[in-house]
C-alpha atoms as a PDB file:
ATOM      1  CA  MET A   1      14.278  -0.795 -18.286  1.00  0.00           C
ATOM      2  CA  ALA A   2      15.079  -3.747 -20.538  1.00  0.00           C
ATOM      3  CA  VAL A   3      16.896  -5.446 -17.636  1.00  0.00           C
ATOM      4  CA  ALA A   4      13.834  -4.980 -15.408  1.00  0.00           C
ATOM      5  CA  VAL A   5      11.556  -6.457 -18.075  1.00  0.00           C
ATOM      6  CA  GLU A   6      13.909  -9.426 -18.483  1.00  0.00           C
ATOM      7  CA  ALA A   7      13.837  -9.985 -14.700  1.00  0.00           C
ATOM      8  CA  ILE A   8      10.023  -9.792 -14.645  1.00  0.00           C
ATOM      9  CA  ASN A   9       9.804 -12.297 -17.472  1.00  0.00           C
ATOM     10  CA  ILE A  10      12.205 -14.725 -15.759  1.00  0.00           C
ATOM     11  CA  VAL A  11      10.269 -14.530 -12.487  1.00  0.00           C
ATOM     12  CA  THR A  12       6.881 -14.961 -14.159  1.00  0.00           C
ATOM     13  CA  LYS A  13       7.946 -17.674 -16.619  1.00  0.00           C
ATOM     14  CA  GLY A  14       6.549 -20.511 -14.525  1.00  0.00           C
ATOM     15  CA  TYR A  15       3.782 -18.411 -13.056  1.00  0.00           C
ATOM     16  CA  ARG A  16       0.474 -20.224 -12.897  1.00  0.00           C
ATOM     17  CA  ARG A  17      -2.337 -18.119 -14.295  1.00  0.00           C
ATOM     18  CA  THR A  18      -4.957 -19.624 -12.004  1.00  0.00           C
ATOM     19  CA  MET A  19      -5.185 -21.024  -8.532  1.00  0.00           C
ATOM     20  CA  GLY A  20      -8.415 -22.980  -8.461  1.00  0.00           C
ATOM     21  CA  ALA A  21     -11.169 -20.519  -9.307  1.00  0.00           C
ATOM     22  CA  VAL A  22      -8.945 -17.488  -8.661  1.00  0.00           C
ATOM     23  CA  ARG A  23      -7.220 -15.833 -11.608  1.00  0.00           C
ATOM     24  CA  LEU A  24      -3.792 -14.497 -10.686  1.00  0.00           C
ATOM     25  CA  LEU A  25      -2.543 -11.262 -12.235  1.00  0.00           C
ATOM     26  CA  ARG A  26       0.973  -9.970 -12.759  1.00  0.00           C
ATOM     27  CA  GLN A  27       0.989  -6.272 -12.033  1.00  0.00           C
ATOM     28  CA  PRO A  28       4.111  -4.214 -11.314  1.00  0.00           C
ATOM     29  CA  HIS A  29       3.763  -0.883  -9.529  1.00  0.00           C
ATOM     30  CA  VAL A  30       5.879   2.093 -10.538  1.00  0.00           C
ATOM     31  CA  CYS A  31       6.345   4.030  -7.327  1.00  0.00           C
ATOM     32  CA  TYR A  32       7.538   7.586  -6.898  1.00  0.00           C
ATOM     33  CA  GLY A  33       8.252   6.929  -3.248  1.00  0.00           C
ATOM     34  CA  ASN A  34       6.215   7.157  -0.118  1.00  0.00           C
ATOM     35  CA  ARG A  35       8.656   7.250   2.763  1.00  0.00           C
ATOM     36  CA  TYR A  36       6.915   9.276   5.461  1.00  0.00           C
ATOM     37  CA  ALA A  37       4.214  10.217   2.914  1.00  0.00           C
ATOM     38  CA  ARG A  38       6.652  12.181   0.743  1.00  0.00           C
ATOM     39  CA  PRO A  39       7.595  11.647  -2.900  1.00  0.00           C
ATOM     40  CA  SER A  40      11.143  10.387  -3.401  1.00  0.00           C
ATOM     41  CA  TRP A  41      11.492  11.581  -6.976  1.00  0.00           C
ATOM     42  CA  GLU A  42       9.549  13.089  -9.842  1.00  0.00           C
ATOM     43  CA  GLY A  43       9.305  11.532 -13.227  1.00  0.00           C
ATOM     44  CA  HIS A  44       7.210  10.477 -16.182  1.00  0.00           C
ATOM     45  CA  TYR A  45       6.071   7.094 -17.382  1.00  0.00           C
ATOM     46  CA  ASP A  46       7.572   7.329 -20.848  1.00  0.00           C
ATOM     47  CA  PHE A  47      10.764   5.692 -19.515  1.00  0.00           C
ATOM     48  CA  LEU A  48       8.801   2.413 -19.340  1.00  0.00           C
ATOM     49  CA  PHE A  49       8.384   2.259 -23.109  1.00  0.00           C
ATOM     50  CA  PRO A  50       8.863   0.422 -25.349  1.00  0.00           C
ATOM     51  CA  ALA A  51      10.445  -2.190 -23.020  1.00  0.00           C
ATOM     52  CA  VAL A  52       7.362  -2.684 -20.825  1.00  0.00           C
ATOM     53  CA  LEU A  53       5.382  -3.819 -23.864  1.00  0.00           C
ATOM     54  CA  ASP A  54       7.475  -6.997 -23.805  1.00  0.00           C
ATOM     55  CA  ALA A  55       6.923  -7.611 -20.089  1.00  0.00           C
ATOM     56  CA  ASN A  56       4.951 -10.663 -19.071  1.00  0.00           C
ATOM     57  CA  VAL A  57       2.432  -8.598 -17.061  1.00  0.00           C
ATOM     58  CA  ASP A  58      -1.322  -8.129 -17.149  1.00  0.00           C
ATOM     59  CA  GLN A  59      -1.538  -4.613 -15.723  1.00  0.00           C
ATOM     60  CA  LEU A  60       0.510  -1.611 -14.693  1.00  0.00           C
ATOM     61  CA  ILE A  61      -0.133   0.068 -11.336  1.00  0.00           C
ATOM     62  CA  LEU A  62       0.664   3.768 -11.687  1.00  0.00           C
ATOM     63  CA  GLU A  63       0.268   6.959  -9.662  1.00  0.00           C
ATOM     64  CA  PHE A  64      -2.045   9.620 -11.048  1.00  0.00           C
ATOM     65  CA  GLY A  65      -3.666  11.096  -7.927  1.00  0.00           C
ATOM     66  CA  ARG A  66      -0.686  13.361  -7.345  1.00  0.00           C
ATOM     67  CA  LYS A  67       0.892  13.436 -10.789  1.00  0.00           C
ATOM     68  CA  GLY A  68      -2.041  14.453 -12.959  1.00  0.00           C
ATOM     69  CA  ARG A  69      -3.266  13.200 -16.324  1.00  0.00           C
ATOM     70  CA  GLU A  70      -0.365  13.898 -18.702  1.00  0.00           C
ATOM     71  CA  GLY A  71       1.018  10.381 -18.418  1.00  0.00           C
ATOM     72  CA  LEU A  72      -2.208   8.761 -19.630  1.00  0.00           C
ATOM     73  CA  ARG A  73      -1.845  10.049 -23.176  1.00  0.00           C
ATOM     74  CA  VAL A  74       1.821   9.061 -23.246  1.00  0.00           C
ATOM     75  CA  ILE A  75       0.976   5.530 -22.116  1.00  0.00           C
ATOM     76  CA  GLN A  76      -1.743   5.225 -24.740  1.00  0.00           C
ATOM     77  CA  ARG A  77       0.389   6.766 -27.503  1.00  0.00           C
ATOM     78  CA  LEU A  78       3.258   4.390 -26.753  1.00  0.00           C
ATOM     79  CA  GLY A  79       1.003   1.387 -27.218  1.00  0.00           C
ATOM     80  CA  TRP A  80      -0.135   0.081 -23.812  1.00  0.00           C
ATOM     81  CA  ASP A  81      -3.176  -2.112 -24.516  1.00  0.00           C
ATOM     82  CA  ARG A  82      -3.580  -3.990 -21.246  1.00  0.00           C
ATOM     83  CA  ALA A  83      -5.293  -2.986 -18.012  1.00  0.00           C
ATOM     84  CA  LEU A  84      -4.129   0.081 -16.144  1.00  0.00           C
ATOM     85  CA  ARG A  85      -4.537   0.422 -12.391  1.00  0.00           C
ATOM     86  CA  LEU A  86      -5.069   4.126 -11.895  1.00  0.00           C
ATOM     87  CA  GLY A  87      -3.939   5.601  -8.624  1.00  0.00           C
ATOM     88  CA  GLU A  88      -6.601   8.263  -8.073  1.00  0.00           C
ATOM     89  CA  VAL A  89      -5.991   9.009  -4.385  1.00  0.00           C
ATOM     90  CA  ASP A  90      -2.856  10.931  -3.428  1.00  0.00           C
ATOM     91  CA  VAL A  91      -1.312   8.995  -0.530  1.00  0.00           C
ATOM     92  CA  LYS A  92       1.370  11.639   0.037  1.00  0.00           C
ATOM     93  CA  THR A  93      -0.953  14.206   1.579  1.00  0.00           C
ATOM     94  CA  GLU A  94      -3.500  14.220   4.374  1.00  0.00           C
ATOM     95  CA  GLN A  95      -5.823  16.344   2.266  1.00  0.00           C
ATOM     96  CA  ILE A  96      -8.911  14.237   1.581  1.00  0.00           C
ATOM     97  CA  GLU A  97     -10.105  14.304  -2.011  1.00  0.00           C
ATOM     98  CA  SER A  98     -13.808  14.881  -2.499  1.00  0.00           C
ATOM     99  CA  THR A  99     -15.864  12.227  -4.225  1.00  0.00           C
ATOM    100  CA  GLU A 100     -16.388  14.700  -7.080  1.00  0.00           C
ATOM    101  CA  VAL A 101     -12.627  15.185  -7.523  1.00  0.00           C
ATOM    102  CA  ILE A 102     -12.197  11.419  -7.738  1.00  0.00           C
ATOM    103  CA  ALA A 103     -15.093  11.157 -10.202  1.00  0.00           C
ATOM    104  CA  GLN A 104     -13.605  13.993 -12.309  1.00  0.00           C
ATOM    105  CA  ARG A 105     -10.242  12.215 -12.423  1.00  0.00           C
ATOM    106  CA  ILE A 106     -11.891   8.984 -13.560  1.00  0.00           C
ATOM    107  CA  ARG A 107     -13.965  10.834 -16.193  1.00  0.00           C
ATOM    108  CA  LYS A 108     -10.767  12.374 -17.527  1.00  0.00           C
ATOM    109  CA  ALA A 109      -9.077   8.963 -17.673  1.00  0.00           C
ATOM    110  CA  LEU A 110     -12.073   7.577 -19.582  1.00  0.00           C
ATOM    111  CA  GLU A 111     -11.319  10.094 -22.346  1.00  0.00           C
ATOM    112  CA  THR A 112      -8.075   8.202 -22.976  1.00  0.00           C
ATOM    113  CA  PHE A 113      -8.724   4.599 -21.916  1.00  0.00           C
ATOM    114  CA  PRO A 114     -11.880   2.465 -22.120  1.00  0.00           C
ATOM    115  CA  ALA A 115     -13.592   1.572 -18.841  1.00  0.00           C
ATOM    116  CA  ASP A 116     -12.845  -2.136 -19.207  1.00  0.00           C
ATOM    117  CA  LYS A 117      -9.097  -1.341 -19.085  1.00  0.00           C
ATOM    118  CA  LEU A 118      -9.211   0.880 -15.974  1.00  0.00           C
ATOM    119  CA  ILE A 119      -9.037  -0.217 -12.352  1.00  0.00           C
ATOM    120  CA  ILE A 120      -9.268   2.457  -9.682  1.00  0.00           C
ATOM    121  CA  ASN A 121      -7.053   2.389  -6.596  1.00  0.00           C
ATOM    122  CA  PRO A 122      -4.950   4.699  -4.395  1.00  0.00           C
ATOM    123  CA  ASP A 123      -1.524   5.888  -5.615  1.00  0.00           C
ATOM    124  CA  GLY A 124       0.058   3.423  -3.211  1.00  0.00           C
ATOM    125  CA  GLY A 125       0.044   2.413   0.423  1.00  0.00           C
ATOM    126  CA  LEU A 126      -1.766   4.482   3.030  1.00  0.00           C
ATOM    127  CA  ARG A 127       0.265   3.406   6.053  1.00  0.00           C
ATOM    128  CA  HIS A 128       1.882   6.805   6.611  1.00  0.00           C
ATOM    129  CA  LEU A 129      -1.504   8.500   6.903  1.00  0.00           C
ATOM    130  CA  PRO A 130      -3.624   8.659  10.059  1.00  0.00           C
ATOM    131  CA  ALA A 131      -6.222   5.868  10.005  1.00  0.00           C
ATOM    132  CA  ASP A 132      -9.202   8.260   9.849  1.00  0.00           C
ATOM    133  CA  VAL A 133      -7.660  10.100   6.894  1.00  0.00           C
ATOM    134  CA  ALA A 134      -6.885   6.839   5.082  1.00  0.00           C
ATOM    135  CA  ARG A 135     -10.446   5.585   5.604  1.00  0.00           C
ATOM    136  CA  SER A 136     -11.908   8.885   4.389  1.00  0.00           C
ATOM    137  CA  LYS A 137      -9.711   8.836   1.283  1.00  0.00           C
ATOM    138  CA  LEU A 138     -10.755   5.257   0.512  1.00  0.00           C
ATOM    139  CA  ALA A 139     -14.423   6.099   1.083  1.00  0.00           C
ATOM    140  CA  ALA A 140     -14.157   9.045  -1.329  1.00  0.00           C
ATOM    141  CA  MET A 141     -12.503   6.758  -3.884  1.00  0.00           C
ATOM    142  CA  VAL A 142     -15.228   4.118  -3.549  1.00  0.00           C
ATOM    143  CA  ILE A 143     -18.090   6.627  -3.727  1.00  0.00           C
ATOM    144  CA  GLY A 144     -16.521   8.552  -6.643  1.00  0.00           C
ATOM    145  CA  THR A 145     -15.958   5.302  -8.522  1.00  0.00           C
ATOM    146  CA  ALA A 146     -19.535   4.201  -7.823  1.00  0.00           C
ATOM    147  CA  ALA A 147     -20.822   7.497  -9.248  1.00  0.00           C
ATOM    148  CA  ILE A 148     -18.896   6.913 -12.467  1.00  0.00           C
ATOM    149  CA  ARG A 149     -20.047   3.324 -12.631  1.00  0.00           C
ATOM    150  CA  ARG A 150     -23.658   4.477 -12.403  1.00  0.00           C
ATOM    151  CA  THR A 151     -23.112   6.794 -15.383  1.00  0.00           C
ATOM    152  CA  LEU A 152     -21.522   3.934 -17.306  1.00  0.00           C
ATOM    153  CA  THR A 153     -24.517   1.730 -16.496  1.00  0.00           C
ATOM    154  CA  THR A 154     -26.788   4.413 -17.923  1.00  0.00           C
ATOM    155  CA  GLN A 155     -24.634   4.869 -21.039  1.00  0.00           C
ATOM    156  CA  LEU A 156     -23.876   1.215 -21.768  1.00  0.00           C
ATOM    157  CA  GLY A 157     -26.745  -0.743 -20.280  1.00  0.00           C
ATOM    158  CA  PRO A 158     -26.424  -3.497 -17.665  1.00  0.00           C
ATOM    159  CA  ASP A 159     -25.637  -6.289 -20.164  1.00  0.00           C
ATOM    160  CA  GLN A 160     -22.424  -4.559 -21.238  1.00  0.00           C
ATOM    161  CA  LEU A 161     -21.025  -4.193 -17.713  1.00  0.00           C
ATOM    162  CA  VAL A 162     -19.666  -7.725 -17.331  1.00  0.00           C
ATOM    163  CA  GLU A 163     -16.161  -6.517 -18.209  1.00  0.00           C
ATOM    164  CA  LEU A 164     -16.416  -3.517 -15.878  1.00  0.00           C
ATOM    165  CA  ASN A 165     -16.309  -5.628 -12.736  1.00  0.00           C
ATOM    166  CA  GLU A 166     -13.297  -3.732 -11.376  1.00  0.00           C
ATOM    167  CA  LEU A 167     -15.453  -0.623 -11.192  1.00  0.00           C
ATOM    168  CA  THR A 168     -18.127  -2.490  -9.239  1.00  0.00           C
ATOM    169  CA  VAL A 169     -18.723  -1.130  -5.776  1.00  0.00           C
ATOM    170  CA  THR A 170     -20.751  -3.110  -3.269  1.00  0.00           C
ATOM    171  CA  SER A 171     -20.418  -0.873  -0.237  1.00  0.00           C
ATOM    172  CA  PRO A 172     -20.597   2.927  -0.210  1.00  0.00           C
ATOM    173  CA  VAL A 173     -18.071   3.164   2.626  1.00  0.00           C
ATOM    174  CA  PRO A 174     -15.399   0.502   3.140  1.00  0.00           C
ATOM    175  CA  THR A 175     -15.136  -0.900   6.627  1.00  0.00           C
ATOM    176  CA  VAL A 176     -12.046  -2.049   8.480  1.00  0.00           C
ATOM    177  CA  GLU A 177     -13.103  -5.632   7.769  1.00  0.00           C
ATOM    178  CA  GLN A 178     -13.024  -4.813   4.038  1.00  0.00           C
ATOM    179  CA  GLY A 179      -9.468  -3.577   4.291  1.00  0.00           C
ATOM    180  CA  ALA A 180     -10.018   0.161   4.661  1.00  0.00           C
END
């Protein structure tokens, strides 16, 4: 892992943090494989530590939709203090998660990480899924995330949501034009 971190740091050394008004983020994805919508290997995220703490990255993109919650506590215990992109949709199955399942997964993650450090996304690419399944999975993710955001608005108040912009949802169902 130390070699990977060194490579990341070399590549990002001259990385510009902004491009005009757009802030650029460095965010590696740890993938458990998705060839033909099947996992390539099983594993845990503890292998990333402590080396990843020295990586010049803003976020980690990790799979939790299929793997479960165990890795969240490990990541927190080992000292990750930056943003975490939580894969909450399992891209290796055609089974469509309900909005409540997605909301439950996010609620569980909020027990370990604060909302301003969590960004919700699928486990990975959806290209091996039929288009209607992929759209339904993304819609469930958006609606489940919106439900959690509404509870956070109630708990925190609207003035405290500036940092929660990654949980902001503007459309209840993503359209093809929005990248669904």
